[in-house]
Amino acid sequence: MHLDAPPLAVLDQVHVRYRNVQALAGVSLQVQGSEVLALLGRNGAGKSTAIAVLLGLRRPDSGQVQLLGGDPQHRAQREQVGVMLQSTALPPNLRVGELVEQFQASYPRPRPLAECLAIAGVQDLRERPYGALSGGQQRRVQFAIAVCGGPRLLFLDEPTTGLDIEARQAIWDAIATLRQEGCGIVLTTHYLEEAEALAGRVVVMERGQVLADGPLATFRPQLAPRRIRCRSRLDVAHVRGWEGVIDARREGDHLQLLAEPAEAVVARLLAEDPLLRELDVRGGGLAEAFVEMTREAA
């Protein structure tokens, strides 16, 4: 990613209201080339509205939006964008190759058909009618359509829903390849391990606002302290004062701690309580961060 390059997409203090519902309340974010941005949030958090505004499907009530340096409703911008929606209705009688070719015709410089099918792993389905495919196979064809225009910016809404492990890994590999080619990718997913595997940056939304926006490397330790559980008779007030301990509680003979970094806290537990047993350390991942943040916001 070239940090001095202009962003591919920008929302700046965008507000959107649907009747009595404030869908977006001053949302600001940017998408750079050669990055995968994971947009996370519970249902109703504002993710879909933010993407709709970026794609020009919904005008903001106030605030600024830019897509590839211009108005997202202009054709010159839309021709540089690929989209894979969570649900898509496509003609069931068309063969896979014909279907992708139809969409290619909408772009000035499409990616070659064989390359589109290969990147989605559907070469062997080229002559099959779309309606005869399984749900997972249709999902992969939809990915081939999303990349067929050679987009500079790609929006993927739950791209691996319904895929088996092998097919999901193939899509992950394709996303990594596209990023290396310079494509910017906005990913929404309920598979938090998918965001961890693919995204270099995470934006968490709740109630139409951005709760956090930052590189994944710094996001986890700051927002998802690890949970330590052990059987110990150490005084909970004493443990609560240790460096790295965020919270300490007692449940019977067990101590429940939130700590980050956890390694030093675990070492001190073992040093101060030779009889400590049933030590269990969990968390520190994006799933825990997401749950904690949205719980606090709610």
Protein backbone atom coordinates (compact mmCIF):
# COMPACT_ATOMS: atom_id res chain seq x y z
CA MET A 1 0.00 0.00 0.00
CA HIS A 2 1.30 3.47 -0.91
CA LEU A 3 0.38 5.71 2.00
CA ASP A 4 0.92 8.86 -0.08
CA ALA A 5 -1.52 7.68 -2.79
CA PRO A 6 -5.05 9.12 -2.70
CA PRO A 7 -7.63 6.78 -1.16
CA LEU A 8 -9.85 4.75 -3.45
CA ALA A 9 -12.99 5.52 -1.44
CA VAL A 10 -13.87 8.11 1.20
CA LEU A 11 -16.76 8.74 3.57
CA ASP A 12 -16.45 12.01 5.46
CA GLN A 13 -18.93 12.75 8.27
CA VAL A 14 -21.73 10.97 6.43
CA HIS A 15 -25.24 10.96 7.90
CA VAL A 16 -28.12 8.84 6.58
CA ARG A 17 -31.57 8.56 8.12
CA TYR A 18 -34.38 6.17 7.20
CA ARG A 19 -37.53 7.72 8.68
CA ASN A 20 -36.97 7.45 12.44
CA VAL A 21 -33.79 5.38 12.21
CA GLN A 22 -30.36 7.04 12.10
CA ALA A 23 -28.53 4.52 9.90
CA LEU A 24 -25.26 6.47 9.77
CA ALA A 25 -24.32 9.15 12.29
CA GLY A 26 -21.20 10.98 11.16
CA VAL A 27 -19.31 8.03 9.68
CA SER A 28 -15.82 8.72 8.31
CA LEU A 29 -13.58 6.10 6.74
CA GLN A 30 -11.17 5.62 3.86
CA VAL A 31 -10.18 2.64 1.72
CA GLN A 32 -6.66 2.49 0.27
CA GLY A 33 -5.32 0.48 -2.64
CA SER A 34 -3.62 -2.83 -1.82
CA GLU A 35 -5.48 -3.23 1.46
CA VAL A 36 -8.21 -5.49 2.76
CA LEU A 37 -10.53 -3.58 5.06
CA ALA A 38 -12.85 -5.70 7.19
CA LEU A 39 -16.08 -3.88 8.03
CA LEU A 40 -17.55 -5.53 11.11
CA GLY A 41 -20.69 -4.96 13.12
CA ARG A 42 -23.90 -6.58 14.22
CA ASN A 43 -26.99 -6.60 12.02
CA GLY A 44 -28.29 -3.05 11.85
CA ALA A 45 -24.94 -1.49 12.74
CA GLY A 46 -24.82 0.50 9.48
CA LYS A 47 -22.43 -1.60 7.38
CA SER A 48 -24.82 -2.11 4.46
CA THR A 49 -25.80 1.55 4.39
CA ALA A 50 -22.15 2.64 4.37
CA ILE A 51 -21.46 0.36 1.40
CA ALA A 52 -24.61 1.55 -0.39
CA VAL A 53 -23.41 5.16 -0.05
CA LEU A 54 -19.93 4.26 -1.32
CA LEU A 55 -21.46 2.49 -4.33
CA GLY A 56 -23.74 5.39 -5.14
CA LEU A 57 -26.88 3.38 -4.41
CA ARG A 58 -27.90 5.86 -1.70
CA ARG A 59 -27.11 9.55 -1.47
CA PRO A 60 -26.07 10.73 2.00
CA ASP A 61 -28.31 13.22 3.79
CA SER A 62 -25.16 15.14 4.67
CA GLY A 63 -21.41 14.65 4.48
CA GLN A 64 -19.06 13.88 1.59
CA VAL A 65 -18.49 10.69 -0.39
CA GLN A 66 -15.88 9.97 -3.04
CA LEU A 67 -15.32 6.85 -5.09
CA LEU A 68 -12.10 6.60 -7.08
CA GLY A 69 -11.73 10.38 -7.05
CA GLY A 70 -15.24 11.20 -8.21
CA ASP A 71 -18.98 10.79 -7.79
CA PRO A 72 -19.93 7.17 -7.08
CA GLN A 73 -22.97 7.51 -9.34
CA HIS A 74 -20.86 8.34 -12.39
CA ARG A 75 -20.19 5.53 -14.85
CA ALA A 76 -16.44 6.21 -14.97
CA GLN A 77 -16.26 5.35 -11.27
CA ARG A 78 -18.58 2.36 -11.39
CA GLU A 79 -16.60 0.78 -14.22
CA GLN A 80 -13.66 0.41 -11.82
CA VAL A 81 -15.62 -1.34 -9.07
CA GLY A 82 -16.54 -4.98 -8.49
CA VAL A 83 -19.31 -6.10 -6.13
CA MET A 84 -20.30 -9.44 -4.64
CA LEU A 85 -23.54 -9.15 -2.69
CA GLN A 86 -24.74 -11.54 -0.02
CA SER A 87 -27.67 -12.63 -2.20
CA THR A 88 -27.84 -12.33 -5.98
CA ALA A 89 -30.50 -13.42 -8.49
CA LEU A 90 -28.94 -14.49 -11.79
CA PRO A 91 -30.51 -16.15 -14.89
CA PRO A 92 -30.59 -19.87 -14.08
CA ASN A 93 -30.56 -21.09 -17.70
CA LEU A 94 -27.37 -19.34 -18.77
CA ARG A 95 -24.16 -21.35 -18.69
CA VAL A 96 -21.45 -20.12 -16.32
CA GLY A 97 -19.19 -18.93 -19.14
CA GLU A 98 -22.04 -17.05 -20.82
CA LEU A 99 -23.03 -15.44 -17.55
CA VAL A 100 -19.55 -14.09 -16.83
CA GLU A 101 -19.22 -12.89 -20.44
CA GLN A 102 -22.44 -10.92 -20.10
CA PHE A 103 -21.03 -9.01 -17.16
CA GLN A 104 -17.65 -8.56 -18.83
CA ALA A 105 -19.40 -6.63 -21.61
CA SER A 106 -20.20 -3.86 -19.11
CA TYR A 107 -16.53 -3.05 -18.53
CA PRO A 108 -14.05 -1.27 -20.84
CA ARG A 109 -11.08 -3.49 -19.92
CA PRO A 110 -12.38 -6.79 -18.52
CA ARG A 111 -10.22 -9.56 -17.16
CA PRO A 112 -10.00 -12.52 -19.61
CA LEU A 113 -12.75 -15.09 -19.12
CA ALA A 114 -10.40 -18.00 -18.46
CA GLU A 115 -8.64 -15.93 -15.81
CA CYS A 116 -11.94 -15.00 -14.12
CA LEU A 117 -13.01 -18.64 -13.94
CA ALA A 118 -9.59 -19.75 -12.70
CA ILE A 119 -9.35 -17.19 -9.91
CA ALA A 120 -12.75 -18.32 -8.62
CA GLY A 121 -11.95 -22.01 -9.13
CA VAL A 122 -14.88 -22.68 -11.48
CA GLN A 123 -13.07 -23.61 -14.73
CA ASP A 124 -14.75 -27.01 -14.78
CA LEU A 125 -18.21 -25.41 -14.47
CA ARG A 126 -17.93 -23.24 -17.59
CA GLU A 127 -20.54 -25.19 -19.61
CA ARG A 128 -22.90 -25.89 -16.70
CA PRO A 129 -26.20 -23.97 -16.35
CA TYR A 130 -26.03 -21.62 -13.38
CA GLY A 131 -29.32 -22.93 -11.98
CA ALA A 132 -27.95 -26.50 -11.88
CA LEU A 133 -25.13 -25.55 -9.53
CA SER A 134 -25.01 -26.03 -5.78
CA GLY A 135 -25.23 -23.00 -3.51
CA GLY A 136 -21.49 -23.05 -2.89
CA GLN A 137 -20.72 -23.32 -6.62
CA GLN A 138 -23.04 -20.40 -7.37
CA ARG A 139 -21.22 -18.36 -4.74
CA ARG A 140 -17.91 -18.98 -6.50
CA VAL A 141 -19.42 -17.96 -9.85
CA GLN A 142 -20.61 -14.74 -8.22
CA PHE A 143 -17.02 -14.11 -7.15
CA ALA A 144 -15.87 -14.63 -10.76
CA ILE A 145 -18.42 -12.03 -11.85
CA ALA A 146 -17.26 -9.59 -9.17
CA VAL A 147 -13.67 -9.67 -10.45
CA CYS A 148 -14.44 -9.90 -14.19
CA GLY A 149 -14.08 -6.16 -14.79
CA GLY A 150 -10.56 -6.02 -13.36
CA PRO A 151 -11.72 -3.72 -10.53
CA ARG A 152 -9.49 -1.32 -8.64
CA LEU A 153 -11.92 -1.58 -5.71
CA LEU A 154 -13.83 -4.71 -4.74
CA PHE A 155 -16.74 -4.98 -2.30
CA LEU A 156 -17.32 -8.47 -0.89
CA ASP A 157 -20.40 -9.03 1.28
CA GLU A 158 -20.10 -12.33 3.16
CA PRO A 159 -18.13 -13.87 0.25
CA THR A 160 -17.62 -17.37 1.67
CA THR A 161 -21.08 -18.07 3.05
CA GLY A 162 -22.07 -21.61 2.09
CA LEU A 163 -18.59 -22.67 0.97
CA ASP A 164 -16.75 -25.74 2.20
CA ILE A 165 -13.29 -25.38 3.72
CA GLU A 166 -11.43 -26.03 0.46
CA ALA A 167 -13.50 -23.54 -1.53
CA ARG A 168 -13.21 -20.94 1.22
CA GLN A 169 -9.43 -21.25 1.21
CA ALA A 170 -9.41 -20.82 -2.58
CA ILE A 171 -11.36 -17.54 -2.25
CA TRP A 172 -8.99 -16.41 0.52
CA ASP A 173 -6.03 -17.08 -1.78
CA ALA A 174 -7.71 -15.16 -4.60
CA ILE A 175 -8.34 -12.16 -2.32
CA ALA A 176 -4.68 -12.16 -1.28
CA THR A 177 -3.64 -12.21 -4.96
CA LEU A 178 -5.95 -9.31 -5.82
CA ARG A 179 -4.57 -7.28 -2.94
CA GLN A 180 -1.02 -7.89 -4.14
CA GLU A 181 -2.10 -6.63 -7.58
CA GLY A 182 -3.10 -3.31 -5.97
CA CYS A 183 -6.84 -3.85 -5.61
CA GLY A 184 -8.52 -2.34 -2.54
CA ILE A 185 -11.01 -4.72 -0.93
CA VAL A 186 -13.85 -4.00 1.49
CA LEU A 187 -14.93 -7.19 3.22
CA THR A 188 -17.97 -7.73 5.41
CA THR A 189 -18.11 -11.07 7.16
CA HIS A 190 -19.60 -12.81 10.17
CA TYR A 191 -16.68 -15.24 10.15
CA LEU A 192 -14.31 -13.36 12.43
CA GLU A 193 -11.52 -15.79 11.68
CA GLU A 194 -11.93 -14.73 8.05
CA ALA A 195 -11.33 -11.10 8.96
CA GLU A 196 -8.28 -12.11 10.98
CA ALA A 197 -6.91 -14.16 8.09
CA LEU A 198 -7.43 -11.54 5.37
CA ALA A 199 -7.68 -8.02 6.72
CA GLY A 200 -4.85 -5.67 7.54
CA ARG A 201 -7.32 -3.13 8.90
CA VAL A 202 -10.59 -3.41 10.79
CA VAL A 203 -13.48 -0.96 11.16
CA VAL A 204 -16.07 -1.86 13.80
CA MET A 205 -19.50 -0.22 13.53
CA GLU A 206 -22.38 -0.06 15.98
CA ARG A 207 -25.56 2.03 15.82
CA GLY A 208 -24.41 3.92 12.76
CA GLN A 209 -21.07 4.98 14.20
CA VAL A 210 -17.47 3.83 13.90
CA LEU A 211 -16.29 2.38 17.21
CA ALA A 212 -12.77 1.53 16.07
CA ASP A 213 -10.65 1.89 12.96
CA GLY A 214 -7.11 0.66 12.83
CA PRO A 215 -4.54 -1.93 11.76
CA LEU A 216 -5.37 -5.42 12.92
CA ALA A 217 -1.91 -5.84 14.47
CA THR A 218 -2.68 -3.18 17.09
CA PHE A 219 -6.40 -3.82 17.30
CA ARG A 220 -6.42 -7.19 19.06
CA PRO A 221 -4.20 -6.52 22.09
CA GLN A 222 -5.81 -3.16 22.80
CA LEU A 223 -9.42 -4.25 22.58
CA ALA A 224 -9.46 -7.94 23.39
CA PRO A 225 -7.62 -8.67 26.63
CA ARG A 226 -7.13 -12.33 27.33
CA ARG A 227 -9.16 -14.18 29.92
CA ILE A 228 -7.30 -16.11 32.59
CA ARG A 229 -9.06 -18.59 34.83
CA CYS A 230 -7.37 -20.57 37.55
CA ARG A 231 -7.98 -22.21 40.93
CA SER A 232 -6.11 -20.03 43.41
CA ARG A 233 -6.50 -18.54 46.89
CA LEU A 234 -4.66 -15.33 46.06
CA ASP A 235 -6.44 -12.20 47.29
CA VAL A 236 -8.45 -10.74 44.41
CA ALA A 237 -7.82 -7.14 45.48
CA HIS A 238 -4.08 -7.85 45.51
CA VAL A 239 -4.15 -9.39 42.03
CA ARG A 240 -6.25 -6.53 40.68
CA GLY A 241 -3.38 -4.15 41.38
CA TRP A 242 -0.85 -6.04 39.24
CA GLU A 243 0.50 -4.48 36.08
CA GLY A 244 -1.36 -5.85 33.06
CA VAL A 245 -4.47 -6.88 35.01
CA ILE A 246 -7.54 -5.07 33.71
CA ASP A 247 -10.10 -6.80 35.91
CA ALA A 248 -10.06 -9.52 38.56
CA ARG A 249 -12.99 -11.36 40.11
CA ARG A 250 -13.51 -14.41 42.28
CA GLU A 251 -15.89 -17.27 41.58
CA GLY A 252 -15.62 -19.68 44.47
CA ASP A 253 -12.08 -21.09 44.47
CA HIS A 254 -11.40 -19.68 41.00
CA LEU A 255 -9.91 -16.37 39.93
CA GLN A 256 -11.23 -14.80 36.70
CA LEU A 257 -8.87 -12.22 35.20
CA LEU A 258 -8.78 -9.97 32.16
CA ALA A 259 -5.15 -9.20 31.33
CA GLU A 260 -3.02 -7.84 28.50
CA PRO A 261 -0.28 -8.76 28.01
CA ALA A 262 -1.17 -12.03 29.70
CA GLU A 263 2.25 -13.73 29.77
CA ALA A 264 3.67 -11.66 32.63
CA VAL A 265 0.46 -12.04 34.66
CA VAL A 266 0.50 -15.82 34.25
CA ALA A 267 4.16 -15.95 35.32
CA ARG A 268 3.38 -13.92 38.45
CA LEU A 269 0.39 -16.12 39.30
CA LEU A 270 2.60 -19.20 39.16
CA ALA A 271 5.32 -17.51 41.20
CA GLU A 272 3.03 -16.24 43.98
CA ASP A 273 0.84 -19.31 44.29
CA PRO A 274 2.76 -22.61 44.15
CA LEU A 275 -0.57 -24.45 44.62
CA LEU A 276 -2.23 -22.80 41.63
CA ARG A 277 -4.18 -25.30 39.49
CA GLU A 278 -6.52 -25.52 36.50
CA LEU A 279 -4.88 -22.63 34.66
CA ASP A 280 -6.73 -21.69 31.47
CA VAL A 281 -5.87 -18.76 29.17
CA ARG A 282 -8.21 -17.80 26.34
CA GLY A 283 -9.10 -14.94 24.03
CA GLY A 284 -6.98 -12.20 22.57
CA GLY A 285 -8.62 -12.64 19.18
CA LEU A 286 -10.80 -10.44 17.05
CA ALA A 287 -13.97 -12.26 18.10
CA GLU A 288 -13.49 -11.28 21.74
CA ALA A 289 -12.68 -7.70 20.77
CA PHE A 290 -15.81 -7.43 18.66
CA VAL A 291 -18.07 -8.84 21.38
CA GLU A 292 -16.63 -6.57 24.06
CA MET A 293 -16.82 -3.42 21.95
CA THR A 294 -20.38 -3.89 20.75
CA ARG A 295 -21.52 -4.86 24.27
CA GLU A 296 -20.08 -1.63 25.67
CA ALA A 297 -21.64 0.48 22.89
CA ALA A 298 -25.04 -1.13 23.41
